[in-house]
Amino acid sequence: MSRTTSDPGPLAAWPEEPENGSDGNGNGSSKRGRRNTVAERNTVVMTAKTAPPSLREYGKYKELFYNLTLRDLRSKYKRSVIGWGWSMINPLANMFIYTIVFSMLLKIHPPFGIPSGINNYALMLLAAMLPFNFFQASVMESMGSLVGNQNLIQKTYFPRELLPAATVASKVVSHLIEMGLLLVAVVAWGNWRALMYLPFVIVLMAVVTVFGLGLAFLFSIGNVFYRDIYHFSGIFFFLWMFLTPIAYPFYLVGGGLNGNPAAGAVLQAPRYIHLLGHALSLGTIFKLNPMTDAVLSFQAFLYNGQLPSSSHLVKFAAAPTPTDLHPLVTSIVVPSNVSWGDFAYLVVWAVVVLAIGLKVFRKYEARLPEEL
């Protein structure tokens, strides 16, 4: 940051107002100087508005982007004794509370991972909660990125979208650490198949990052003009989290396999709600939420150890009869929680939201210096 202020390089400094009534050349009134200064500022801003930065121009500011990201990472746990340990303590504390409430008190059984064989509520919860927490933190913390860098925006020209993007990038670093530890726990629990699907997990993380970046552009620019957005967003994401199957398995709303097929599992029927004389599947309604497909995809890769598909074959063991002491095995095709079509639905949402967020951000970024 210090180098960019002394040597602008790609950063062109905002024109300073002339002193002592001078227009910068030693003559003219201070009013004329201020008028020229405002005109120059507007010229720079309008240039940025009518000519969006290209990928090549973004490359000129890669050092600024790196420094902004590094600053966010350092300031997050500054003067903290535990430091980066908080990135896992917070989700582990949430896992402990949700396990007590949902698993012990409400007696909600975690799904049986097929073919991994995992039947653990904590791992089911973390496989969904960590990606959603990353998504929520990316949007929530990026809202203050423009307001918190008021001096930088008013004095220097650079692509403003670098500010929320740097916040999201810092969240990506934290999320990679969390998911790495979760992968170790899942493999230690017996699901070595998760290592096979690690490339798919990385691609899925990139899709969720694109989705969060699009919302970060929308919320950050909106927070400059309407500060109520910041307070509203807390309620918004709280509702969004509970409308996503994170703390409870998807079979409770959309139906599916409940229990161990080798020990008396049952097929849970989907739930329906009646609205205006029509019966609507609750699972279909939940599927309208793109983050439902995101968390179910993470659970498919890390918890179940399988790829998304429309259905999968499940072997059920029946109880032995008096004449046959060996249990009968029956194979049944069971619908999967998430398919490749659902994954494509999430990708479309991510790309569309990023395009809309970037367009809205660029439309109003010219007004940032005066609004801030």
Protein backbone atom coordinates (compact mmCIF):
# COMPACT_ATOMS: atom_id res chain seq x y z
CA MET A 1 0.00 0.00 0.00
CA SER A 2 2.80 2.45 0.80
CA ARG A 3 4.48 1.86 -2.55
CA THR A 4 1.31 2.56 -4.48
CA THR A 5 0.84 5.94 -2.84
CA SER A 6 4.40 7.14 -3.42
CA ASP A 7 4.74 5.60 -6.89
CA PRO A 8 1.27 5.40 -8.48
CA GLY A 9 2.11 2.86 -11.15
CA PRO A 10 -1.33 1.65 -12.22
CA LEU A 11 -2.94 3.71 -9.45
CA ALA A 12 -3.61 7.24 -10.61
CA ALA A 13 -4.03 9.57 -7.64
CA TRP A 14 -7.09 11.79 -7.39
CA PRO A 15 -6.23 15.43 -8.29
CA GLU A 16 -5.57 17.55 -5.23
CA GLU A 17 -7.39 20.85 -4.73
CA PRO A 18 -5.09 23.86 -5.39
CA GLU A 19 -4.01 25.90 -2.40
CA ASN A 20 -4.12 29.67 -1.75
CA GLY A 21 -6.65 30.39 -4.45
CA SER A 22 -4.48 28.97 -7.22
CA ASP A 23 -5.68 26.77 -10.05
CA GLY A 24 -2.43 24.80 -9.97
CA ASN A 25 -0.52 27.17 -12.28
CA GLY A 26 -0.25 30.07 -9.85
CA ASN A 27 -3.24 32.05 -11.19
CA GLY A 28 -7.00 31.92 -11.07
CA SER A 29 -9.46 31.80 -8.18
CA SER A 30 -9.90 29.00 -5.67
CA LYS A 31 -13.46 28.52 -6.88
CA ARG A 32 -12.26 27.90 -10.41
CA GLY A 33 -9.64 25.50 -9.05
CA ARG A 34 -12.23 23.53 -7.12
CA ARG A 35 -14.47 23.46 -10.20
CA ASN A 36 -11.62 22.10 -12.30
CA THR A 37 -10.78 19.55 -9.64
CA VAL A 38 -14.36 18.28 -9.49
CA ALA A 39 -14.47 18.13 -13.27
CA GLU A 40 -11.26 16.11 -13.34
CA ARG A 41 -12.58 13.72 -10.70
CA ASN A 42 -15.82 13.24 -12.59
CA THR A 43 -13.83 12.62 -15.78
CA VAL A 44 -11.87 9.83 -14.09
CA VAL A 45 -14.99 8.29 -12.56
CA MET A 46 -16.98 8.46 -15.79
CA THR A 47 -14.10 6.84 -17.62
CA ALA A 48 -14.19 3.96 -15.15
CA LYS A 49 -17.98 3.73 -15.52
CA THR A 50 -18.23 3.80 -19.32
CA ALA A 51 -15.14 1.64 -19.86
CA PRO A 52 -15.18 -1.32 -17.44
CA PRO A 53 -11.74 -2.67 -16.60
CA SER A 54 -10.51 -5.49 -18.81
CA LEU A 55 -8.78 -8.62 -17.57
CA ARG A 56 -5.48 -7.10 -18.65
CA GLU A 57 -6.17 -3.99 -16.56
CA TYR A 58 -7.10 -6.15 -13.58
CA GLY A 59 -3.67 -7.72 -13.94
CA LYS A 60 -2.05 -4.32 -13.33
CA TYR A 61 -3.67 -4.21 -9.90
CA LYS A 62 -2.79 -7.75 -8.82
CA GLU A 63 -0.34 -6.43 -6.21
CA LEU A 64 -3.03 -4.18 -4.74
CA PHE A 65 -5.45 -7.12 -4.68
CA TYR A 66 -2.83 -9.27 -2.95
CA ASN A 67 -2.14 -6.59 -0.32
CA LEU A 68 -5.85 -6.05 0.35
CA THR A 69 -6.39 -9.78 0.80
CA LEU A 70 -3.35 -10.09 3.05
CA ARG A 71 -4.54 -7.14 5.12
CA ASP A 72 -7.92 -8.79 5.69
CA LEU A 73 -6.25 -12.03 6.73
CA ARG A 74 -3.91 -10.31 9.17
CA SER A 75 -6.53 -8.03 10.69
CA LYS A 76 -9.04 -10.82 11.29
CA TYR A 77 -7.10 -12.40 14.16
CA LYS A 78 -4.85 -9.48 15.07
CA ARG A 79 -3.79 -9.47 18.74
CA SER A 80 -5.47 -12.84 19.23
CA VAL A 81 -3.75 -15.49 21.32
CA ILE A 82 -5.36 -18.41 19.50
CA GLY A 83 -5.16 -16.70 16.11
CA TRP A 84 -6.13 -18.93 13.20
CA GLY A 85 -7.42 -21.50 15.65
CA TRP A 86 -10.65 -19.50 15.82
CA SER A 87 -11.39 -20.52 12.24
CA MET A 88 -12.09 -24.02 13.57
CA ILE A 89 -13.20 -23.25 17.13
CA ASN A 90 -16.29 -21.37 15.97
CA PRO A 91 -17.64 -24.12 13.67
CA LEU A 92 -16.77 -26.78 16.25
CA ALA A 93 -18.70 -24.85 18.90
CA ASN A 94 -21.69 -24.61 16.55
CA MET A 95 -21.37 -28.32 15.80
CA PHE A 96 -21.42 -29.12 19.52
CA ILE A 97 -24.57 -27.03 20.11
CA TYR A 98 -26.43 -28.37 17.05
CA THR A 99 -25.51 -31.94 17.96
CA ILE A 100 -27.01 -31.54 21.43
CA VAL A 101 -30.19 -29.85 20.19
CA PHE A 102 -30.95 -31.77 16.99
CA SER A 103 -29.28 -35.15 17.53
CA MET A 104 -29.70 -35.71 21.27
CA LEU A 105 -32.78 -33.70 22.24
CA LEU A 106 -34.83 -33.85 19.02
CA LYS A 107 -33.56 -37.36 18.18
CA ILE A 108 -32.87 -36.57 14.52
CA HIS A 109 -30.94 -39.43 12.96
CA PRO A 110 -28.19 -38.58 10.47
CA PRO A 111 -28.46 -40.16 7.02
CA PHE A 112 -26.56 -43.35 6.33
CA GLY A 113 -23.78 -42.59 3.87
CA ILE A 114 -23.90 -44.83 0.82
CA PRO A 115 -21.43 -46.30 -0.03
CA SER A 116 -19.18 -44.74 2.65
CA GLY A 117 -21.11 -46.30 5.53
CA ILE A 118 -20.72 -43.16 7.67
CA ASN A 119 -23.54 -42.57 10.13
CA ASN A 120 -22.37 -39.56 12.11
CA TYR A 121 -24.36 -36.38 12.76
CA ALA A 122 -21.30 -34.18 13.38
CA LEU A 123 -19.70 -35.03 10.02
CA MET A 124 -23.01 -34.58 8.22
CA LEU A 125 -23.38 -31.17 9.84
CA LEU A 126 -19.83 -29.96 9.12
CA ALA A 127 -19.98 -31.07 5.47
CA ALA A 128 -22.90 -28.66 5.01
CA MET A 129 -22.24 -25.97 7.61
CA LEU A 130 -18.65 -25.11 6.64
CA PRO A 131 -19.53 -24.24 3.00
CA PHE A 132 -22.58 -22.24 4.07
CA ASN A 133 -20.61 -20.36 6.74
CA PHE A 134 -18.00 -19.50 4.12
CA PHE A 135 -20.72 -18.28 1.76
CA GLN A 136 -22.38 -16.19 4.47
CA ALA A 137 -19.12 -14.71 5.78
CA SER A 138 -18.02 -13.76 2.25
CA VAL A 139 -21.16 -11.68 1.72
CA MET A 140 -21.52 -10.30 5.24
CA GLU A 141 -17.93 -9.13 5.69
CA SER A 142 -17.66 -7.73 2.17
CA MET A 143 -20.49 -5.29 2.91
CA GLY A 144 -18.16 -3.07 4.91
CA SER A 145 -15.32 -3.22 2.41
CA LEU A 146 -16.35 -0.05 0.55
CA VAL A 147 -17.35 1.97 3.61
CA GLY A 148 -14.21 0.91 5.47
CA ASN A 149 -11.95 2.06 2.62
CA GLN A 150 -13.50 5.51 2.18
CA ASN A 151 -10.17 7.36 2.09
CA LEU A 152 -8.69 5.01 -0.49
CA ILE A 153 -11.73 5.35 -2.76
CA GLN A 154 -11.85 9.15 -2.55
CA LYS A 155 -8.14 9.69 -3.21
CA THR A 156 -7.13 7.01 -5.68
CA TYR A 157 -8.59 5.41 -8.78
CA PHE A 158 -8.55 1.63 -9.08
CA PRO A 159 -11.22 -0.95 -9.93
CA ARG A 160 -13.50 -0.70 -6.90
CA GLU A 161 -14.65 -4.30 -7.22
CA LEU A 162 -11.22 -5.32 -5.93
CA LEU A 163 -12.31 -4.37 -2.39
CA PRO A 164 -15.19 -6.87 -1.94
CA ALA A 165 -13.29 -9.39 -4.07
CA ALA A 166 -10.30 -9.20 -1.70
CA THR A 167 -12.59 -9.88 1.26
CA VAL A 168 -14.03 -12.93 -0.48
CA ALA A 169 -10.50 -14.09 -1.34
CA SER A 170 -9.49 -13.92 2.33
CA LYS A 171 -12.51 -16.06 3.20
CA VAL A 172 -11.43 -18.59 0.58
CA VAL A 173 -8.10 -19.05 2.38
CA SER A 174 -9.85 -19.70 5.69
CA HIS A 175 -12.33 -22.03 4.03
CA LEU A 176 -9.55 -24.11 2.43
CA ILE A 177 -8.04 -24.69 5.88
CA GLU A 178 -11.41 -25.73 7.34
CA MET A 179 -12.26 -28.07 4.48
CA GLY A 180 -8.78 -29.61 4.63
CA LEU A 181 -9.29 -30.49 8.30
CA LEU A 182 -12.77 -31.85 7.54
CA LEU A 183 -11.33 -34.04 4.79
CA VAL A 184 -8.83 -35.50 7.25
CA ALA A 185 -11.65 -36.24 9.72
CA VAL A 186 -13.82 -37.86 7.04
CA VAL A 187 -10.98 -40.09 5.83
CA ALA A 188 -10.10 -41.02 9.42
CA TRP A 189 -13.73 -42.02 9.95
CA GLY A 190 -13.44 -44.47 7.08
CA ASN A 191 -14.58 -42.63 3.94
CA TRP A 192 -11.38 -42.84 1.90
CA ARG A 193 -13.50 -42.37 -1.24
CA ALA A 194 -13.61 -38.65 -0.43
CA LEU A 195 -10.01 -38.42 -1.64
CA MET A 196 -11.13 -39.61 -5.08
CA TYR A 197 -13.66 -36.79 -5.32
CA LEU A 198 -11.35 -34.04 -4.08
CA PRO A 199 -11.17 -32.39 -7.56
CA PHE A 200 -14.99 -32.21 -7.60
CA VAL A 201 -14.96 -30.64 -4.13
CA ILE A 202 -12.55 -27.95 -5.34
CA VAL A 203 -14.73 -27.22 -8.37
CA LEU A 204 -17.79 -27.01 -6.12
CA MET A 205 -15.96 -24.61 -3.80
CA ALA A 206 -15.14 -22.43 -6.82
CA VAL A 207 -18.82 -22.37 -7.84
CA VAL A 208 -19.91 -21.33 -4.33
CA THR A 209 -17.18 -18.66 -4.36
CA VAL A 210 -18.53 -17.23 -7.63
CA PHE A 211 -22.05 -17.22 -6.15
CA GLY A 212 -20.85 -15.46 -3.00
CA LEU A 213 -18.80 -12.95 -5.00
CA GLY A 214 -21.86 -11.93 -7.01
CA LEU A 215 -23.86 -11.31 -3.85
CA ALA A 216 -20.86 -9.52 -2.31
CA PHE A 217 -20.92 -7.01 -5.18
CA LEU A 218 -24.67 -6.43 -4.72
CA PHE A 219 -24.63 -6.15 -0.92
CA SER A 220 -21.48 -4.04 -0.70
CA ILE A 221 -22.66 -1.42 -3.21
CA GLY A 222 -26.15 -1.44 -1.70
CA ASN A 223 -24.77 -0.91 1.80
CA VAL A 224 -23.16 2.36 0.67
CA PHE A 225 -26.53 3.86 -0.27
CA TYR A 226 -28.77 2.08 2.27
CA ARG A 227 -27.05 1.17 5.54
CA ASP A 228 -30.12 -0.80 6.66
CA ILE A 229 -28.98 -3.58 4.33
CA TYR A 230 -26.25 -4.54 6.78
CA HIS A 231 -28.75 -5.00 9.63
CA PHE A 232 -31.25 -6.75 7.39
CA SER A 233 -28.65 -9.18 6.08
CA GLY A 234 -28.20 -10.82 9.49
CA ILE A 235 -31.89 -11.78 9.58
CA PHE A 236 -31.81 -12.72 5.90
CA PHE A 237 -28.94 -15.20 6.26
CA PHE A 238 -30.35 -16.60 9.51
CA LEU A 239 -33.57 -17.54 7.69
CA TRP A 240 -31.62 -18.75 4.66
CA MET A 241 -29.57 -21.11 6.83
CA PHE A 242 -32.62 -22.81 8.35
CA LEU A 243 -34.28 -23.07 4.93
CA THR A 244 -31.23 -25.07 3.83
CA PRO A 245 -30.84 -28.68 5.03
CA ILE A 246 -27.77 -28.11 7.17
CA ALA A 247 -28.73 -28.94 10.75
CA TYR A 248 -31.23 -31.57 9.62
CA PRO A 249 -31.01 -34.23 6.89
CA PHE A 250 -32.79 -33.66 3.60
CA TYR A 251 -34.96 -36.78 3.96
CA LEU A 252 -37.04 -34.97 6.60
CA VAL A 253 -38.42 -32.63 3.93
CA GLY A 254 -37.81 -34.33 0.59
CA GLY A 255 -37.99 -37.98 1.60
CA GLY A 256 -35.33 -40.61 1.16
CA LEU A 257 -33.45 -43.29 3.00
CA ASN A 258 -33.63 -43.13 6.80
CA GLY A 259 -31.33 -45.50 8.62
CA ASN A 260 -28.91 -48.30 7.82
CA PRO A 261 -30.15 -50.54 4.98
CA ALA A 262 -28.46 -53.52 6.66
CA ALA A 263 -30.27 -52.92 9.96
CA GLY A 264 -33.86 -52.04 9.16
CA ALA A 265 -33.77 -48.78 7.21
CA VAL A 266 -36.99 -47.23 5.93
CA LEU A 267 -37.80 -45.03 2.96
CA GLN A 268 -39.07 -41.72 4.32
CA ALA A 269 -41.97 -40.34 2.31
CA PRO A 270 -41.63 -36.73 1.10
CA ARG A 271 -43.65 -34.09 2.88
CA TYR A 272 -46.25 -31.94 1.16
CA ILE A 273 -47.86 -28.62 1.93
CA HIS A 274 -51.26 -27.60 0.65
CA LEU A 275 -51.56 -24.16 -0.90
CA LEU A 276 -54.65 -22.90 -2.72
CA GLY A 277 -55.92 -26.41 -3.24
CA HIS A 278 -52.60 -27.71 -4.60
CA ALA A 279 -50.26 -30.16 -2.92
CA LEU A 280 -46.66 -28.97 -3.24
CA SER A 281 -43.67 -31.14 -2.38
CA LEU A 282 -41.63 -29.56 0.38
CA GLY A 283 -38.49 -31.08 -1.08
CA THR A 284 -39.16 -29.42 -4.45
CA ILE A 285 -39.64 -26.07 -2.72
CA PHE A 286 -36.36 -26.49 -0.84
CA LYS A 287 -34.66 -27.34 -4.12
CA LEU A 288 -35.49 -23.87 -5.44
CA ASN A 289 -32.84 -22.67 -3.01
CA PRO A 290 -29.49 -23.06 -4.85
CA MET A 291 -27.61 -23.48 -1.58
CA THR A 292 -29.62 -26.64 -0.95
CA ASP A 293 -27.97 -28.21 -3.99
CA ALA A 294 -24.61 -26.84 -2.84
CA VAL A 295 -24.67 -28.42 0.63
CA LEU A 296 -26.16 -31.68 -0.69
CA SER A 297 -23.35 -31.85 -3.26
CA PHE A 298 -20.73 -31.36 -0.54
CA GLN A 299 -22.39 -34.10 1.51
CA ALA A 300 -22.45 -36.40 -1.53
CA PHE A 301 -18.69 -35.99 -2.09
CA LEU A 302 -17.46 -35.91 1.51
CA TYR A 303 -20.10 -37.76 3.54
CA ASN A 304 -21.60 -40.32 1.14
CA GLY A 305 -18.52 -40.81 -1.02
CA GLN A 306 -20.42 -40.74 -4.30
CA LEU A 307 -21.01 -38.54 -7.34
CA PRO A 308 -24.32 -36.74 -7.89
CA SER A 309 -26.81 -38.94 -9.73
CA SER A 310 -30.53 -39.24 -10.29
CA SER A 311 -30.70 -42.51 -8.32
CA HIS A 312 -28.54 -45.17 -6.73
CA LEU A 313 -28.88 -48.85 -5.95
CA VAL A 314 -29.30 -49.73 -2.28
CA LYS A 315 -29.12 -53.24 -0.84
CA PHE A 316 -31.61 -53.91 1.96
CA ALA A 317 -31.17 -56.87 4.28
CA ALA A 318 -34.44 -58.46 5.38
CA ALA A 319 -34.92 -60.24 8.69
CA PRO A 320 -34.11 -63.98 8.65
CA THR A 321 -37.00 -66.44 8.59
CA PRO A 322 -37.29 -69.61 10.76
CA THR A 323 -36.50 -71.79 7.75
CA ASP A 324 -33.63 -69.63 6.51
CA LEU A 325 -31.22 -68.29 9.11
CA HIS A 326 -29.42 -66.16 6.54
CA PRO A 327 -30.92 -62.70 5.93
CA LEU A 328 -32.32 -62.01 2.51
CA VAL A 329 -30.77 -59.20 0.50
CA THR A 330 -32.95 -57.07 -1.74
CA SER A 331 -31.68 -54.33 -4.04
CA ILE A 332 -33.88 -51.26 -4.50
CA VAL A 333 -33.30 -48.17 -6.63
CA VAL A 334 -33.57 -45.10 -4.39
CA PRO A 335 -33.69 -41.50 -5.67
CA SER A 336 -30.57 -39.48 -4.85
CA ASN A 337 -30.67 -36.21 -2.96
CA VAL A 338 -28.69 -34.36 -5.63
CA SER A 339 -28.14 -34.99 -9.34
CA TRP A 340 -25.93 -33.48 -12.03
CA GLY A 341 -28.96 -31.45 -13.11
CA ASP A 342 -29.11 -29.94 -9.62
CA PHE A 343 -25.39 -29.20 -9.83
CA ALA A 344 -25.93 -27.43 -13.17
CA TYR A 345 -28.79 -25.45 -11.57
CA LEU A 346 -26.33 -24.19 -8.93
CA VAL A 347 -23.77 -23.24 -11.59
CA VAL A 348 -26.38 -21.24 -13.51
CA TRP A 349 -27.36 -19.39 -10.34
CA ALA A 350 -23.72 -18.58 -9.57
CA VAL A 351 -22.95 -17.24 -13.06
CA VAL A 352 -26.17 -15.20 -13.32
CA VAL A 353 -25.77 -13.65 -9.85
CA LEU A 354 -22.14 -12.76 -10.58
CA ALA A 355 -23.12 -11.10 -13.88
CA ILE A 356 -25.94 -9.13 -12.24
CA GLY A 357 -23.82 -8.16 -9.24
CA LEU A 358 -20.94 -6.96 -11.40
CA LYS A 359 -23.27 -4.97 -13.66
CA VAL A 360 -25.03 -3.25 -10.75
CA PHE A 361 -21.71 -2.57 -9.03
CA ARG A 362 -20.22 -0.92 -12.11
CA LYS A 363 -23.37 1.11 -12.66
CA TYR A 364 -23.19 2.80 -9.27
CA GLU A 365 -19.46 2.77 -8.48
CA ALA A 366 -19.03 6.23 -10.10
CA ARG A 367 -21.09 7.68 -7.23
CA LEU A 368 -18.99 6.09 -4.50
CA PRO A 369 -16.67 9.09 -3.81
CA GLU A 370 -19.55 11.48 -3.23
CA GLU A 371 -21.73 8.98 -1.32
CA LEU A 372 -18.92 8.03 1.02
